[in-house]
Amino acid sequence: MGTIFNISKSEWFVIILCCTIVLALELMNTAIENLCDMITKEFHPTIKIVKDVSAGAVLVSAIGSAIAGAVIFIPLIVHQIKILL
């Protein structure tokens, strides 16, 4: 979509940064979950909290990235629709 709408360099930077942050946090979440599973396969309330918090970090970054994408792309989409009408 960035290419289609010819977004600016700063907008590309925001999009790339958001994607990188989400992917990096997903990798960290996977590492934390695997480490917790290595420690014990049995249910432990503290390990549940650790896993939930690390998954929450991924969710928060994904929501923030979606908002950033919406701020960048919705005005461009609305403008394109106005041109077509």
PDB file of N, CA and C in Angstrom:
ATOM      1  N   MET A   1       0.820  -1.193   0.000  1.00  0.00           N
ATOM      2  CA  MET A   1       0.000   0.000   0.000  1.00  0.00           C
ATOM      3  C   MET A   1       0.860   1.252   0.000  1.00  0.00           C
ATOM      4  N   GLY A   2       2.019   1.155   0.644  1.00  0.00           N
ATOM      5  CA  GLY A   2       2.909   2.307   0.666  1.00  0.00           C
ATOM      6  C   GLY A   2       3.360   2.702  -0.721  1.00  0.00           C
ATOM      7  N   THR A   3       3.619   1.708  -1.543  1.00  0.00           N
ATOM      8  CA  THR A   3       4.029   1.976  -2.923  1.00  0.00           C
ATOM      9  C   THR A   3       2.854   2.509  -3.737  1.00  0.00           C
ATOM     10  N   ILE A   4       1.686   1.924  -3.561  1.00  0.00           N
ATOM     11  CA  ILE A   4       0.501   2.353  -4.297  1.00  0.00           C
ATOM     12  C   ILE A   4       0.170   3.812  -3.993  1.00  0.00           C
ATOM     13  N   PHE A   5       0.225   4.180  -2.709  1.00  0.00           N
ATOM     14  CA  PHE A   5      -0.125   5.538  -2.317  1.00  0.00           C
ATOM     15  C   PHE A   5       1.063   6.493  -2.289  1.00  0.00           C
ATOM     16  N   ASN A   6       2.250   5.986  -2.623  1.00  0.00           N
ATOM     17  CA  ASN A   6       3.447   6.827  -2.690  1.00  0.00           C
ATOM     18  C   ASN A   6       3.662   7.628  -1.397  1.00  0.00           C
ATOM     19  N   ILE A   7       3.748   6.895  -0.282  1.00  0.00           N
ATOM     20  CA  ILE A   7       3.907   7.569   1.009  1.00  0.00           C
ATOM     21  C   ILE A   7       5.315   8.156   1.125  1.00  0.00           C
ATOM     22  N   SER A   8       5.463   9.104   2.048  1.00  0.00           N
ATOM     23  CA  SER A   8       6.736   9.807   2.220  1.00  0.00           C
ATOM     24  C   SER A   8       7.767   8.917   2.910  1.00  0.00           C
ATOM     25  N   LYS A   9       9.006   9.379   2.908  1.00  0.00           N
ATOM     26  CA  LYS A   9      10.082   8.623   3.570  1.00  0.00           C
ATOM     27  C   LYS A   9       9.823   8.492   5.067  1.00  0.00           C
ATOM     28  N   SER A  10       9.323   9.542   5.689  1.00  0.00           N
ATOM     29  CA  SER A  10       9.053   9.462   7.126  1.00  0.00           C
ATOM     30  C   SER A  10       7.910   8.487   7.416  1.00  0.00           C
ATOM     31  N   GLU A  11       6.921   8.427   6.539  1.00  0.00           N
ATOM     32  CA  GLU A  11       5.843   7.464   6.716  1.00  0.00           C
ATOM     33  C   GLU A  11       6.356   6.039   6.511  1.00  0.00           C
ATOM     34  N   TRP A  12       7.253   5.842   5.534  1.00  0.00           N
ATOM     35  CA  TRP A  12       7.875   4.540   5.344  1.00  0.00           C
ATOM     36  C   TRP A  12       8.650   4.146   6.597  1.00  0.00           C
ATOM     37  N   PHE A  13       9.363   5.107   7.181  1.00  0.00           N
ATOM     38  CA  PHE A  13      10.135   4.836   8.391  1.00  0.00           C
ATOM     39  C   PHE A  13       9.221   4.345   9.504  1.00  0.00           C
ATOM     40  N   VAL A  14       8.084   5.011   9.687  1.00  0.00           N
ATOM     41  CA  VAL A  14       7.141   4.614  10.738  1.00  0.00           C
ATOM     42  C   VAL A  14       6.615   3.207  10.479  1.00  0.00           C
ATOM     43  N   ILE A  15       6.234   2.915   9.243  1.00  0.00           N
ATOM     44  CA  ILE A  15       5.709   1.594   8.895  1.00  0.00           C
ATOM     45  C   ILE A  15       6.766   0.507   9.136  1.00  0.00           C
ATOM     46  N   ILE A  16       7.980   0.752   8.668  1.00  0.00           N
ATOM     47  CA  ILE A  16       9.061  -0.235   8.849  1.00  0.00           C
ATOM     48  C   ILE A  16       9.392  -0.411  10.326  1.00  0.00           C
ATOM     49  N   LEU A  17       9.441   0.681  11.073  1.00  0.00           N
ATOM     50  CA  LEU A  17       9.720   0.601  12.508  1.00  0.00           C
ATOM     51  C   LEU A  17       8.638  -0.187  13.234  1.00  0.00           C
ATOM     52  N   CYS A  18       7.386   0.080  12.920  1.00  0.00           N
ATOM     53  CA  CYS A  18       6.287  -0.652  13.561  1.00  0.00           C
ATOM     54  C   CYS A  18       6.374  -2.146  13.260  1.00  0.00           C
ATOM     55  N   CYS A  19       6.603  -2.495  12.004  1.00  0.00           N
ATOM     56  CA  CYS A  19       6.722  -3.915  11.632  1.00  0.00           C
ATOM     57  C   CYS A  19       7.885  -4.572  12.363  1.00  0.00           C
ATOM     58  N   THR A  20       8.994  -3.882  12.439  1.00  0.00           N
ATOM     59  CA  THR A  20      10.180  -4.427  13.106  1.00  0.00           C
ATOM     60  C   THR A  20       9.928  -4.637  14.594  1.00  0.00           C
ATOM     61  N   ILE A  21       9.279  -3.690  15.234  1.00  0.00           N
ATOM     62  CA  ILE A  21       8.999  -3.805  16.667  1.00  0.00           C
ATOM     63  C   ILE A  21       8.075  -4.987  16.943  1.00  0.00           C
ATOM     64  N   VAL A  22       7.013  -5.131  16.145  1.00  0.00           N
ATOM     65  CA  VAL A  22       6.089  -6.248  16.348  1.00  0.00           C
ATOM     66  C   VAL A  22       6.810  -7.584  16.162  1.00  0.00           C
ATOM     67  N   LEU A  23       7.601  -7.701  15.099  1.00  0.00           N
ATOM     68  CA  LEU A  23       8.321  -8.953  14.858  1.00  0.00           C
ATOM     69  C   LEU A  23       9.343  -9.241  15.953  1.00  0.00           C
ATOM     70  N   ALA A  24      10.055  -8.214  16.408  1.00  0.00           N
ATOM     71  CA  ALA A  24      11.046  -8.410  17.473  1.00  0.00           C
ATOM     72  C   ALA A  24      10.367  -8.847  18.769  1.00  0.00           C
ATOM     73  N   LEU A  25       9.242  -8.237  19.101  1.00  0.00           N
ATOM     74  CA  LEU A  25       8.537  -8.628  20.318  1.00  0.00           C
ATOM     75  C   LEU A  25       7.956 -10.031  20.191  1.00  0.00           C
ATOM     76  N   GLU A  26       7.524 -10.402  19.004  1.00  0.00           N
ATOM     77  CA  GLU A  26       7.038 -11.773  18.796  1.00  0.00           C
ATOM     78  C   GLU A  26       8.164 -12.780  19.006  1.00  0.00           C
ATOM     79  N   LEU A  27       9.362 -12.469  18.531  1.00  0.00           N
ATOM     80  CA  LEU A  27      10.511 -13.343  18.767  1.00  0.00           C
ATOM     81  C   LEU A  27      10.829 -13.443  20.256  1.00  0.00           C
ATOM     82  N   MET A  28      10.785 -12.311  20.953  1.00  0.00           N
ATOM     83  CA  MET A  28      11.037 -12.324  22.400  1.00  0.00           C
ATOM     84  C   MET A  28       9.968 -13.140  23.128  1.00  0.00           C
ATOM     85  N   ASN A  29       8.723 -12.993  22.713  1.00  0.00           N
ATOM     86  CA  ASN A  29       7.633 -13.750  23.320  1.00  0.00           C
ATOM     87  C   ASN A  29       7.854 -15.246  23.142  1.00  0.00           C
ATOM     88  N   THR A  30       8.240 -15.652  21.947  1.00  0.00           N
ATOM     89  CA  THR A  30       8.507 -17.065  21.682  1.00  0.00           C
ATOM     90  C   THR A  30       9.651 -17.572  22.544  1.00  0.00           C
ATOM     91  N   ALA A  31      10.710 -16.780  22.659  1.00  0.00           N
ATOM     92  CA  ALA A  31      11.854 -17.179  23.486  1.00  0.00           C
ATOM     93  C   ALA A  31      11.446 -17.314  24.952  1.00  0.00           C
ATOM     94  N   ILE A  32      10.673 -16.373  25.447  1.00  0.00           N
ATOM     95  CA  ILE A  32      10.233 -16.414  26.849  1.00  0.00           C
ATOM     96  C   ILE A  32       9.349 -17.629  27.092  1.00  0.00           C
ATOM     97  N   GLU A  33       8.412 -17.884  26.168  1.00  0.00           N
ATOM     98  CA  GLU A  33       7.528 -19.044  26.344  1.00  0.00           C
ATOM     99  C   GLU A  33       8.309 -20.356  26.306  1.00  0.00           C
ATOM    100  N   ASN A  34       9.263 -20.470  25.394  1.00  0.00           N
ATOM    101  CA  ASN A  34      10.071 -21.696  25.328  1.00  0.00           C
ATOM    102  C   ASN A  34      10.918 -21.862  26.582  1.00  0.00           C
ATOM    103  N   LEU A  35      11.471 -20.777  27.099  1.00  0.00           N
ATOM    104  CA  LEU A  35      12.253 -20.848  28.331  1.00  0.00           C
ATOM    105  C   LEU A  35      11.380 -21.276  29.499  1.00  0.00           C
ATOM    106  N   CYS A  36      10.196 -20.708  29.585  1.00  0.00           N
ATOM    107  CA  CYS A  36       9.273 -21.096  30.659  1.00  0.00           C
ATOM    108  C   CYS A  36       8.890 -22.566  30.550  1.00  0.00           C
ATOM    109  N   ASP A  37       8.650 -23.045  29.323  1.00  0.00           N
ATOM    110  CA  ASP A  37       8.307 -24.456  29.128  1.00  0.00           C
ATOM    111  C   ASP A  37       9.472 -25.368  29.495  1.00  0.00           C
ATOM    112  N   MET A  38      10.697 -24.885  29.280  1.00  0.00           N
ATOM    113  CA  MET A  38      11.871 -25.671  29.634  1.00  0.00           C
ATOM    114  C   MET A  38      12.004 -25.792  31.155  1.00  0.00           C
ATOM    115  N   ILE A  39      11.614 -24.738  31.859  1.00  0.00           N
ATOM    116  CA  ILE A  39      11.711 -24.741  33.319  1.00  0.00           C
ATOM    117  C   ILE A  39      10.729 -25.735  33.917  1.00  0.00           C
ATOM    118  N   THR A  40       9.470 -25.698  33.455  1.00  0.00           N
ATOM    119  CA  THR A  40       8.466 -26.646  33.937  1.00  0.00           C
ATOM    120  C   THR A  40       7.322 -26.742  32.941  1.00  0.00           C
ATOM    121  N   LYS A  41       6.826 -27.949  32.757  1.00  0.00           N
ATOM    122  CA  LYS A  41       5.661 -28.178  31.896  1.00  0.00           C
ATOM    123  C   LYS A  41       4.373 -28.082  32.716  1.00  0.00           C
ATOM    124  N   GLU A  42       4.519 -28.138  34.025  1.00  0.00           N
ATOM    125  CA  GLU A  42       3.354 -28.077  34.903  1.00  0.00           C
ATOM    126  C   GLU A  42       2.880 -26.628  35.040  1.00  0.00           C
ATOM    127  N   PHE A  43       1.602 -26.486  35.407  1.00  0.00           N
ATOM    128  CA  PHE A  43       1.052 -25.152  35.598  1.00  0.00           C
ATOM    129  C   PHE A  43       1.708 -24.484  36.798  1.00  0.00           C
ATOM    130  N   HIS A  44       2.118 -23.244  36.588  1.00  0.00           N
ATOM    131  CA  HIS A  44       2.668 -22.435  37.678  1.00  0.00           C
ATOM    132  C   HIS A  44       2.122 -21.018  37.506  1.00  0.00           C
ATOM    133  N   PRO A  45       1.517 -20.440  38.536  1.00  0.00           N
ATOM    134  CA  PRO A  45       0.874 -19.128  38.391  1.00  0.00           C
ATOM    135  C   PRO A  45       1.836 -18.013  37.953  1.00  0.00           C
ATOM    136  N   THR A  46       3.063 -18.051  38.428  1.00  0.00           N
ATOM    137  CA  THR A  46       4.022 -17.013  38.048  1.00  0.00           C
ATOM    138  C   THR A  46       4.420 -17.143  36.579  1.00  0.00           C
ATOM    139  N   ILE A  47       4.614 -18.369  36.121  1.00  0.00           N
ATOM    140  CA  ILE A  47       4.962 -18.580  34.720  1.00  0.00           C
ATOM    141  C   ILE A  47       3.801 -18.158  33.825  1.00  0.00           C
ATOM    142  N   LYS A  48       2.561 -18.395  34.267  1.00  0.00           N
ATOM    143  CA  LYS A  48       1.396 -17.939  33.502  1.00  0.00           C
ATOM    144  C   LYS A  48       1.429 -16.423  33.356  1.00  0.00           C
ATOM    145  N   ILE A  49       1.748 -15.721  34.420  1.00  0.00           N
ATOM    146  CA  ILE A  49       1.824 -14.259  34.369  1.00  0.00           C
ATOM    147  C   ILE A  49       2.923 -13.812  33.407  1.00  0.00           C
ATOM    148  N   VAL A  50       4.086 -14.444  33.478  1.00  0.00           N
ATOM    149  CA  VAL A  50       5.204 -14.100  32.591  1.00  0.00           C
ATOM    150  C   VAL A  50       4.794 -14.285  31.129  1.00  0.00           C
ATOM    151  N   LYS A  51       4.150 -15.420  30.828  1.00  0.00           N
ATOM    152  CA  LYS A  51       3.722 -15.682  29.450  1.00  0.00           C
ATOM    153  C   LYS A  51       2.647 -14.693  29.003  1.00  0.00           C
ATOM    154  N   ASP A  52       1.700 -14.400  29.889  1.00  0.00           N
ATOM    155  CA  ASP A  52       0.634 -13.453  29.549  1.00  0.00           C
ATOM    156  C   ASP A  52       1.174 -12.051  29.305  1.00  0.00           C
ATOM    157  N   VAL A  53       2.121 -11.622  30.121  1.00  0.00           N
ATOM    158  CA  VAL A  53       2.701 -10.284  29.963  1.00  0.00           C
ATOM    159  C   VAL A  53       3.498 -10.185  28.664  1.00  0.00           C
ATOM    160  N   SER A  54       4.256 -11.235  28.337  1.00  0.00           N
ATOM    161  CA  SER A  54       5.032 -11.182  27.099  1.00  0.00           C
ATOM    162  C   SER A  54       4.110 -11.207  25.877  1.00  0.00           C
ATOM    163  N   ALA A  55       3.031 -11.966  25.943  1.00  0.00           N
ATOM    164  CA  ALA A  55       2.053 -11.956  24.849  1.00  0.00           C
ATOM    165  C   ALA A  55       1.339 -10.604  24.789  1.00  0.00           C
ATOM    166  N   GLY A  56       1.099 -10.009  25.945  1.00  0.00           N
ATOM    167  CA  GLY A  56       0.472  -8.683  25.994  1.00  0.00           C
ATOM    168  C   GLY A  56       1.333  -7.617  25.343  1.00  0.00           C
ATOM    169  N   ALA A  57       2.644  -7.738  25.486  1.00  0.00           N
ATOM    170  CA  ALA A  57       3.549  -6.784  24.856  1.00  0.00           C
ATOM    171  C   ALA A  57       3.433  -6.847  23.335  1.00  0.00           C
ATOM    172  N   VAL A  58       3.300  -8.059  22.808  1.00  0.00           N
ATOM    173  CA  VAL A  58       3.109  -8.224  21.362  1.00  0.00           C
ATOM    174  C   VAL A  58       1.785  -7.593  20.943  1.00  0.00           C
ATOM    175  N   LEU A  59       0.733  -7.840  21.721  1.00  0.00           N
ATOM    176  CA  LEU A  59      -0.580  -7.285  21.406  1.00  0.00           C
ATOM    177  C   LEU A  59      -0.569  -5.762  21.412  1.00  0.00           C
ATOM    178  N   VAL A  60       0.044  -5.176  22.423  1.00  0.00           N
ATOM    179  CA  VAL A  60       0.105  -3.712  22.513  1.00  0.00           C
ATOM    180  C   VAL A  60       0.858  -3.133  21.320  1.00  0.00           C
ATOM    181  N   SER A  61       1.963  -3.756  20.942  1.00  0.00           N
ATOM    182  CA  SER A  61       2.720  -3.245  19.803  1.00  0.00           C
ATOM    183  C   SER A  61       1.936  -3.409  18.500  1.00  0.00           C
ATOM    184  N   ALA A  62       1.199  -4.493  18.374  1.00  0.00           N
ATOM    185  CA  ALA A  62       0.388  -4.701  17.172  1.00  0.00           C
ATOM    186  C   ALA A  62      -0.741  -3.676  17.088  1.00  0.00           C
ATOM    187  N   ILE A  63      -1.372  -3.384  18.209  1.00  0.00           N
ATOM    188  CA  ILE A  63      -2.436  -2.370  18.221  1.00  0.00           C
ATOM    189  C   ILE A  63      -1.859  -1.000  17.874  1.00  0.00           C
ATOM    190  N   GLY A  64      -0.729  -0.654  18.469  1.00  0.00           N
ATOM    191  CA  GLY A  64      -0.084   0.621  18.148  1.00  0.00           C
ATOM    192  C   GLY A  64       0.305   0.709  16.684  1.00  0.00           C
ATOM    193  N   SER A  65       0.783  -0.387  16.127  1.00  0.00           N
ATOM    194  CA  SER A  65       1.152  -0.417  14.714  1.00  0.00           C
ATOM    195  C   SER A  65      -0.076  -0.262  13.826  1.00  0.00           C
ATOM    196  N   ALA A  66      -1.173  -0.890  14.207  1.00  0.00           N
ATOM    197  CA  ALA A  66      -2.416  -0.759  13.441  1.00  0.00           C
ATOM    198  C   ALA A  66      -2.910   0.686  13.466  1.00  0.00           C
ATOM    199  N   ILE A  67      -2.794   1.327  14.610  1.00  0.00           N
ATOM    200  CA  ILE A  67      -3.200   2.734  14.717  1.00  0.00           C
ATOM    201  C   ILE A  67      -2.308   3.609  13.845  1.00  0.00           C
ATOM    202  N   ALA A  68      -1.005   3.373  13.894  1.00  0.00           N
ATOM    203  CA  ALA A  68      -0.079   4.140  13.051  1.00  0.00           C
ATOM    204  C   ALA A  68      -0.403   3.942  11.576  1.00  0.00           C
ATOM    205  N   GLY A  69      -0.677   2.706  11.183  1.00  0.00           N
ATOM    206  CA  GLY A  69      -1.056   2.431   9.800  1.00  0.00           C
ATOM    207  C   GLY A  69      -2.342   3.129   9.412  1.00  0.00           C
ATOM    208  N   ALA A  70      -3.298   3.139  10.326  1.00  0.00           N
ATOM    209  CA  ALA A  70      -4.571   3.816  10.051  1.00  0.00           C
ATOM    210  C   ALA A  70      -4.373   5.318   9.893  1.00  0.00           C
ATOM    211  N   VAL A  71      -3.546   5.909  10.740  1.00  0.00           N
ATOM    212  CA  VAL A  71      -3.278   7.356  10.654  1.00  0.00           C
ATOM    213  C   VAL A  71      -2.630   7.698   9.316  1.00  0.00           C
ATOM    214  N   ILE A  72      -1.780   6.820   8.837  1.00  0.00           N
ATOM    215  CA  ILE A  72      -1.092   7.077   7.565  1.00  0.00           C
ATOM    216  C   ILE A  72      -2.011   6.793   6.373  1.00  0.00           C
ATOM    217  N   PHE A  73      -2.711   5.666   6.378  1.00  0.00           N
ATOM    218  CA  PHE A  73      -3.398   5.220   5.175  1.00  0.00           C
ATOM    219  C   PHE A  73      -4.859   5.662   5.048  1.00  0.00           C
ATOM    220  N   ILE A  74      -5.584   5.823   6.141  1.00  0.00           N
ATOM    221  CA  ILE A  74      -6.997   6.190   6.021  1.00  0.00           C
ATOM    222  C   ILE A  74      -7.191   7.523   5.289  1.00  0.00           C
ATOM    223  N   PRO A  75      -6.440   8.579   5.623  1.00  0.00           N
ATOM    224  CA  PRO A  75      -6.629   9.819   4.855  1.00  0.00           C
ATOM    225  C   PRO A  75      -6.330   9.650   3.364  1.00  0.00           C
ATOM    226  N   LEU A  76      -5.349   8.842   3.033  1.00  0.00           N
ATOM    227  CA  LEU A  76      -5.016   8.603   1.622  1.00  0.00           C
ATOM    228  C   LEU A  76      -6.128   7.832   0.918  1.00  0.00           C
ATOM    229  N   ILE A  77      -6.701   6.855   1.598  1.00  0.00           N
ATOM    230  CA  ILE A  77      -7.801   6.081   1.029  1.00  0.00           C
ATOM    231  C   ILE A  77      -9.033   6.962   0.844  1.00  0.00           C
ATOM    232  N   VAL A  78      -9.343   7.766   1.861  1.00  0.00           N
ATOM    233  CA  VAL A  78     -10.492   8.680   1.768  1.00  0.00           C
ATOM    234  C   VAL A  78     -10.296   9.650   0.623  1.00  0.00           C
ATOM    235  N   HIS A  79      -9.115  10.201   0.474  1.00  0.00           N
ATOM    236  CA  HIS A  79      -8.809  11.127  -0.629  1.00  0.00           C
ATOM    237  C   HIS A  79      -9.011  10.438  -1.979  1.00  0.00           C
ATOM    238  N   GLN A  80      -8.549   9.193  -2.099  1.00  0.00           N
ATOM    239  CA  GLN A  80      -8.699   8.450  -3.356  1.00  0.00           C
ATOM    240  C   GLN A  80     -10.164   8.197  -3.664  1.00  0.00           C
ATOM    241  N   ILE A  81     -10.950   7.889  -2.646  1.00  0.00           N
ATOM    242  CA  ILE A  81     -12.379   7.661  -2.843  1.00  0.00           C
ATOM    243  C   ILE A  81     -13.070   8.939  -3.316  1.00  0.00           C
ATOM    244  N   LYS A  82     -12.693  10.088  -2.727  1.00  0.00           N
ATOM    245  CA  LYS A  82     -13.273  11.372  -3.140  1.00  0.00           C
ATOM    246  C   LYS A  82     -12.959  11.684  -4.601  1.00  0.00           C
ATOM    247  N   ILE A  83     -11.764  11.316  -5.035  1.00  0.00           N
ATOM    248  CA  ILE A  83     -11.376  11.542  -6.429  1.00  0.00           C
ATOM    249  C   ILE A  83     -12.241  10.699  -7.358  1.00  0.00           C
ATOM    250  N   LEU A  84     -12.489   9.459  -6.969  1.00  0.00           N
ATOM    251  CA  LEU A  84     -13.276   8.544  -7.791  1.00  0.00           C
ATOM    252  C   LEU A  84     -14.750   8.940  -7.861  1.00  0.00           C
ATOM    253  N   LEU A  85     -15.240   9.604  -6.837  1.00  0.00           N
ATOM    254  CA  LEU A  85     -16.658  10.007  -6.809  1.00  0.00           C
ATOM    255  C   LEU A  85     -16.769  11.338  -7.497  1.00  0.00           C
TER     256      LEU A  85
END
